[in-house]
Amino acid sequence: MKYTITEDRITIKDFACTCISFGQGDRPMVLIPGLSMKSLKTSARSIAASNRFFAERYKVYVFDSREELPEGFSVRDMAEDLALCMKTMGLSGADLLGISQGGMIAQYLAALHPELVGKLALAVTLPKINEALAGLCDRWTACIRQGNYEALAEDVLSSMYTEDFRDRFGWLITPESIRETLTDPERFIIQTRACLSCDTLALLDKVQCPAFVIGSKIDKVVGKEASLLLAEKLACPLYLYEAYGHAVYEENARDFCGRVLSFFEAPA
């Protein structure tokens, strides 16, 4: 499928951010990816390629975090920024897919700005910070501050990907590739530490739209219990992958996107 990736810079009140869009559908979908060492500008093509299965039915929008991230910025702050962007672009009632940290942001958005969300899909994410994710955030922050990119690359591979993926594609994630990609280490640290602020448990009863949770039984980043808790609180369907870890959305993108599409297209 051929489609054009459009890039825009949005200025709203006191901040600016990058937005990319792709797809030829007439329905709006907002994709909120997880934590990334790359800027949206750098990763636009890979994001569009991984999510190409949405491109026929949707116009897909992806928003980066604001350009100047203050210390202590939270996932709730990110959700409020996203809400302003969506309102500015007239994206009310969009179907929303939040992955990992993006799923945290999506929960706040759906609870606090229900008019913006048509359906809500949440993948490999959690409603409240837990020991597994807190430990990962601490390790990654320490590695970056110490310049220990060898340990960081090893941790990324072992915590996010299956053994099969590591055997076939582990050579893509190396200390050198991370050092080249991570052009703004402090920004990444702020984004990483923002995960520690997540706690939507008191807000989830405000989510009015249909929801769907996707998790993994062997997820080493947030754990399967986070998906179970999230689905219970939202009283929504849950699907747990058996043989994939946290990065199932990359390792089995076709099946993952197919499940999200089936949920979005099902009668409400």
Protein backbone atom coordinates (compact mmCIF):
# COMPACT_ATOMS: atom_id res chain seq x y z
CA MET A 1 0.00 0.00 0.00
CA LYS A 2 1.30 3.42 -0.96
CA TYR A 3 0.48 6.45 1.14
CA THR A 4 1.98 9.80 1.98
CA ILE A 5 3.37 10.72 5.40
CA THR A 6 2.59 14.33 6.24
CA GLU A 7 4.53 16.22 8.89
CA ASP A 8 3.27 19.38 10.63
CA ARG A 9 4.51 21.56 13.45
CA ILE A 10 1.70 22.62 15.76
CA THR A 11 1.95 25.67 18.02
CA ILE A 12 -0.60 25.91 20.84
CA LYS A 13 -0.49 28.40 23.71
CA ASP A 14 2.95 27.98 25.28
CA PHE A 15 4.23 24.89 23.49
CA ALA A 16 4.92 23.41 20.08
CA CYS A 17 5.08 19.82 18.90
CA THR A 18 5.39 17.70 15.78
CA CYS A 19 2.49 15.76 14.28
CA ILE A 20 2.66 13.20 11.51
CA SER A 21 -0.31 11.75 9.68
CA PHE A 22 -0.72 8.96 7.15
CA GLY A 23 -3.43 6.78 5.67
CA GLN A 24 -6.19 7.19 3.15
CA GLY A 25 -9.26 6.45 5.26
CA ASP A 26 -11.87 9.04 6.17
CA ARG A 27 -12.04 8.11 9.86
CA PRO A 28 -9.63 9.68 12.37
CA MET A 29 -7.42 7.51 14.55
CA VAL A 30 -4.88 8.79 17.06
CA LEU A 31 -1.93 6.49 17.75
CA ILE A 32 0.06 7.15 20.93
CA PRO A 33 3.27 5.10 20.77
CA GLY A 34 5.36 4.11 23.74
CA LEU A 35 8.56 5.62 25.01
CA SER A 36 11.08 6.06 22.20
CA MET A 37 14.70 7.10 22.00
CA LYS A 38 14.01 8.57 18.56
CA SER A 39 12.17 11.79 17.81
CA LEU A 40 8.91 11.51 15.89
CA LYS A 41 10.59 13.11 12.88
CA THR A 42 13.26 10.42 12.89
CA SER A 43 10.88 7.51 13.46
CA ALA A 44 7.96 8.65 11.26
CA ARG A 45 8.60 6.11 8.49
CA SER A 46 9.08 3.17 10.85
CA ILE A 47 5.92 4.08 12.81
CA ALA A 48 3.90 4.34 9.61
CA ALA A 49 5.32 1.04 8.33
CA SER A 50 4.51 -0.85 11.55
CA ASN A 51 0.98 0.55 11.55
CA ARG A 52 0.31 0.38 7.82
CA PHE A 53 -2.56 -2.03 8.46
CA PHE A 54 -4.64 0.92 9.70
CA ALA A 55 -3.89 3.09 6.67
CA GLU A 56 -6.67 1.87 4.38
CA ARG A 57 -9.50 2.58 6.80
CA TYR A 58 -8.09 5.48 8.81
CA LYS A 59 -6.29 8.77 8.66
CA VAL A 60 -3.80 8.09 11.43
CA TYR A 61 -2.37 10.93 13.54
CA VAL A 62 0.69 10.66 15.79
CA PHE A 63 1.76 13.54 18.04
CA ASP A 64 5.19 13.97 19.62
CA SER A 65 5.64 15.39 23.12
CA ARG A 66 6.11 19.14 23.34
CA GLU A 67 9.49 20.35 22.12
CA GLU A 68 10.59 21.80 25.47
CA LEU A 69 9.87 19.27 28.22
CA PRO A 70 10.15 20.68 31.75
CA GLU A 71 11.56 18.58 34.56
CA GLY A 72 8.82 16.64 36.32
CA PHE A 73 6.48 16.52 33.32
CA SER A 74 3.92 13.75 33.92
CA VAL A 75 1.91 11.43 31.71
CA ARG A 76 -1.17 13.40 32.75
CA ASP A 77 0.54 16.56 31.48
CA MET A 78 1.22 14.76 28.20
CA ALA A 79 -2.47 13.83 27.98
CA GLU A 80 -3.51 17.44 28.45
CA ASP A 81 -1.14 18.53 25.69
CA LEU A 82 -2.56 15.86 23.41
CA ALA A 83 -6.11 16.97 24.19
CA LEU A 84 -5.24 20.52 23.13
CA CYS A 85 -3.69 19.23 19.90
CA MET A 86 -6.71 17.08 19.09
CA LYS A 87 -9.13 19.92 19.78
CA THR A 88 -7.08 22.28 17.63
CA MET A 89 -7.18 19.80 14.75
CA GLY A 90 -10.85 18.92 15.17
CA LEU A 91 -10.27 15.29 16.08
CA SER A 92 -13.27 14.74 18.36
CA GLY A 93 -14.52 11.16 18.51
CA ALA A 94 -11.30 9.66 17.17
CA ASP A 95 -10.49 6.02 17.80
CA LEU A 96 -7.49 5.88 20.10
CA LEU A 97 -4.68 3.32 20.37
CA GLY A 98 -2.25 3.79 23.25
CA ILE A 99 0.79 1.53 23.53
CA SER A 100 2.91 1.21 26.71
CA GLN A 101 3.51 4.79 27.94
CA GLY A 102 1.08 5.86 25.23
CA GLY A 103 -1.53 3.70 26.93
CA MET A 104 -1.03 5.62 30.17
CA ILE A 105 -1.57 8.88 28.32
CA ALA A 106 -4.62 7.43 26.56
CA GLN A 107 -6.26 6.50 29.87
CA TYR A 108 -6.03 10.06 31.17
CA LEU A 109 -7.27 11.43 27.85
CA ALA A 110 -10.30 9.13 27.70
CA ALA A 111 -11.21 9.80 31.35
CA LEU A 112 -10.74 13.58 31.34
CA HIS A 113 -11.76 14.39 27.75
CA PRO A 114 -14.33 11.74 26.80
CA GLU A 115 -15.65 13.79 23.88
CA LEU A 116 -12.37 13.26 22.05
CA VAL A 117 -12.44 9.46 22.07
CA GLY A 118 -14.66 7.13 20.05
CA LYS A 119 -13.15 3.78 21.04
CA LEU A 120 -10.14 3.06 23.22
CA ALA A 121 -7.54 0.31 22.69
CA LEU A 122 -4.83 -0.04 25.34
CA ALA A 123 -1.81 -2.27 24.76
CA VAL A 124 0.93 -3.54 27.10
CA THR A 125 0.28 -0.74 29.56
CA LEU A 126 -0.81 -0.20 33.16
CA PRO A 127 -3.12 1.99 35.25
CA LYS A 128 -0.65 2.51 38.09
CA ILE A 129 3.14 2.33 38.26
CA ASN A 130 4.35 -1.02 39.55
CA GLU A 131 7.64 -2.46 40.74
CA ALA A 132 8.64 -3.91 37.37
CA LEU A 133 8.28 -0.67 35.43
CA ALA A 134 9.71 1.49 38.22
CA GLY A 135 12.82 -0.70 38.26
CA LEU A 136 13.20 -0.44 34.50
CA CYS A 137 12.85 3.37 34.60
CA ASP A 138 15.52 3.56 37.30
CA ARG A 139 17.90 1.30 35.36
CA TRP A 140 17.51 3.13 32.08
CA THR A 141 17.92 6.52 33.73
CA ALA A 142 21.09 5.36 35.51
CA CYS A 143 22.54 3.87 32.31
CA ILE A 144 22.04 7.11 30.39
CA ARG A 145 23.46 9.33 33.12
CA GLN A 146 26.49 7.05 33.41
CA GLY A 147 26.88 6.78 29.64
CA ASN A 148 26.63 3.00 29.94
CA TYR A 149 24.99 2.32 26.58
CA GLU A 150 26.16 -1.29 26.55
CA ALA A 151 24.08 -2.08 29.63
CA LEU A 152 21.17 -0.07 28.25
CA ALA A 153 21.15 -1.97 24.95
CA GLU A 154 21.29 -5.29 26.79
CA ASP A 155 18.42 -4.24 29.09
CA VAL A 156 16.24 -3.04 26.19
CA LEU A 157 16.69 -6.32 24.35
CA SER A 158 16.18 -8.60 27.35
CA SER A 159 13.18 -6.75 28.84
CA MET A 160 11.20 -6.00 25.69
CA TYR A 161 11.85 -8.69 23.09
CA THR A 162 11.58 -12.45 22.78
CA GLU A 163 14.62 -14.67 22.44
CA ASP A 164 13.74 -15.36 18.81
CA PHE A 165 13.70 -11.64 18.00
CA ARG A 166 16.99 -11.10 19.81
CA ASP A 167 18.61 -13.92 17.84
CA ARG A 168 17.42 -12.52 14.50
CA PHE A 169 17.44 -8.76 14.99
CA GLY A 170 19.41 -8.04 18.14
CA TRP A 171 22.21 -6.64 16.01
CA LEU A 172 19.96 -3.63 15.29
CA ILE A 173 19.98 -2.52 18.94
CA THR A 174 23.58 -1.89 19.95
CA PRO A 175 25.37 0.61 22.20
CA GLU A 176 26.49 2.45 19.07
CA SER A 177 23.01 2.65 17.57
CA ILE A 178 21.54 3.92 20.84
CA ARG A 179 24.29 6.52 21.22
CA GLU A 180 23.59 7.79 17.70
CA THR A 181 19.81 7.75 18.16
CA LEU A 182 19.68 9.34 21.58
CA THR A 183 20.50 12.90 20.55
CA ASP A 184 18.82 14.45 23.62
CA PRO A 185 19.45 12.19 26.64
CA GLU A 186 17.88 14.57 29.18
CA ARG A 187 14.64 14.71 27.21
CA PHE A 188 14.48 10.91 27.17
CA ILE A 189 15.12 10.80 30.92
CA ILE A 190 12.22 13.22 31.53
CA GLN A 191 9.96 11.07 29.37
CA THR A 192 11.12 7.91 31.14
CA ARG A 193 10.59 9.37 34.61
CA ALA A 194 7.09 10.51 33.58
CA CYS A 195 6.00 6.86 33.71
CA LEU A 196 6.48 6.94 37.48
CA SER A 197 3.61 9.44 37.77
CA CYS A 198 0.97 7.14 36.29
CA ASP A 199 -2.07 6.45 38.50
CA THR A 200 -5.43 6.39 36.76
CA LEU A 201 -7.23 4.01 39.12
CA ALA A 202 -9.47 6.74 40.55
CA LEU A 203 -10.33 8.00 37.06
CA LEU A 204 -11.13 4.87 35.07
CA ASP A 205 -14.81 4.92 36.03
CA LYS A 206 -15.03 8.16 34.02
CA VAL A 207 -14.13 6.37 30.78
CA GLN A 208 -17.38 6.30 28.80
CA CYS A 209 -16.28 4.77 25.49
CA PRO A 210 -15.91 1.08 24.55
CA ALA A 211 -12.46 -0.19 25.56
CA PHE A 212 -10.21 -3.15 24.78
CA VAL A 213 -7.00 -4.22 26.54
CA ILE A 214 -4.17 -6.21 24.94
CA GLY A 215 -1.38 -7.61 27.07
CA SER A 216 1.18 -10.39 27.23
CA LYS A 217 1.63 -13.20 29.71
CA ILE A 218 5.42 -12.84 29.56
CA ASP A 219 5.64 -9.04 29.54
CA LYS A 220 8.73 -8.12 31.60
CA VAL A 221 8.08 -4.36 31.42
CA VAL A 222 4.60 -3.98 32.95
CA GLY A 223 3.64 -7.60 33.63
CA LYS A 224 0.43 -9.42 32.73
CA GLU A 225 -1.17 -8.43 36.06
CA ALA A 226 -1.31 -4.81 34.88
CA SER A 227 -3.41 -5.82 31.88
CA LEU A 228 -5.69 -7.93 34.06
CA LEU A 229 -6.23 -5.04 36.48
CA LEU A 230 -6.85 -2.55 33.69
CA ALA A 231 -9.43 -4.75 31.98
CA GLU A 232 -11.14 -5.39 35.31
CA LYS A 233 -11.39 -1.68 36.14
CA LEU A 234 -12.69 -0.84 32.66
CA ALA A 235 -14.99 -3.89 32.60
CA CYS A 236 -13.83 -4.53 29.04
CA PRO A 237 -12.53 -7.39 26.87
CA LEU A 238 -8.93 -8.53 27.33
CA TYR A 239 -6.58 -10.45 25.06
CA LEU A 240 -3.29 -11.84 26.38
CA TYR A 241 -0.57 -13.07 24.02
CA GLU A 242 1.09 -16.31 25.07
CA ALA A 243 4.46 -16.20 23.32
CA TYR A 244 5.32 -12.52 22.94
CA GLY A 245 6.72 -9.98 25.36
CA HIS A 246 6.25 -6.25 25.72
CA ALA A 247 7.12 -5.45 22.11
CA VAL A 248 4.43 -7.67 20.58
CA TYR A 249 3.19 -4.64 18.63
CA GLU A 250 6.51 -4.78 16.73
CA GLU A 251 7.21 -8.50 16.64
CA ASN A 252 3.75 -9.49 15.43
CA ALA A 253 2.41 -6.23 14.03
CA ARG A 254 -0.02 -7.83 11.59
CA ASP A 255 -1.87 -9.85 14.22
CA PHE A 256 -1.70 -7.03 16.77
CA CYS A 257 -3.11 -4.41 14.39
CA GLY A 258 -5.71 -6.89 13.16
CA ARG A 259 -7.07 -7.35 16.68
CA VAL A 260 -7.22 -3.60 17.23
CA LEU A 261 -8.98 -3.11 13.88
CA SER A 262 -11.52 -5.82 14.68
CA PHE A 263 -12.35 -4.03 17.93
CA PHE A 264 -12.58 -0.61 16.29
CA GLU A 265 -14.84 -1.90 13.52
CA ALA A 266 -17.16 -3.98 15.70
CA PRO A 267 -20.58 -2.45 16.50
CA ALA A 268 -20.43 -0.43 19.70
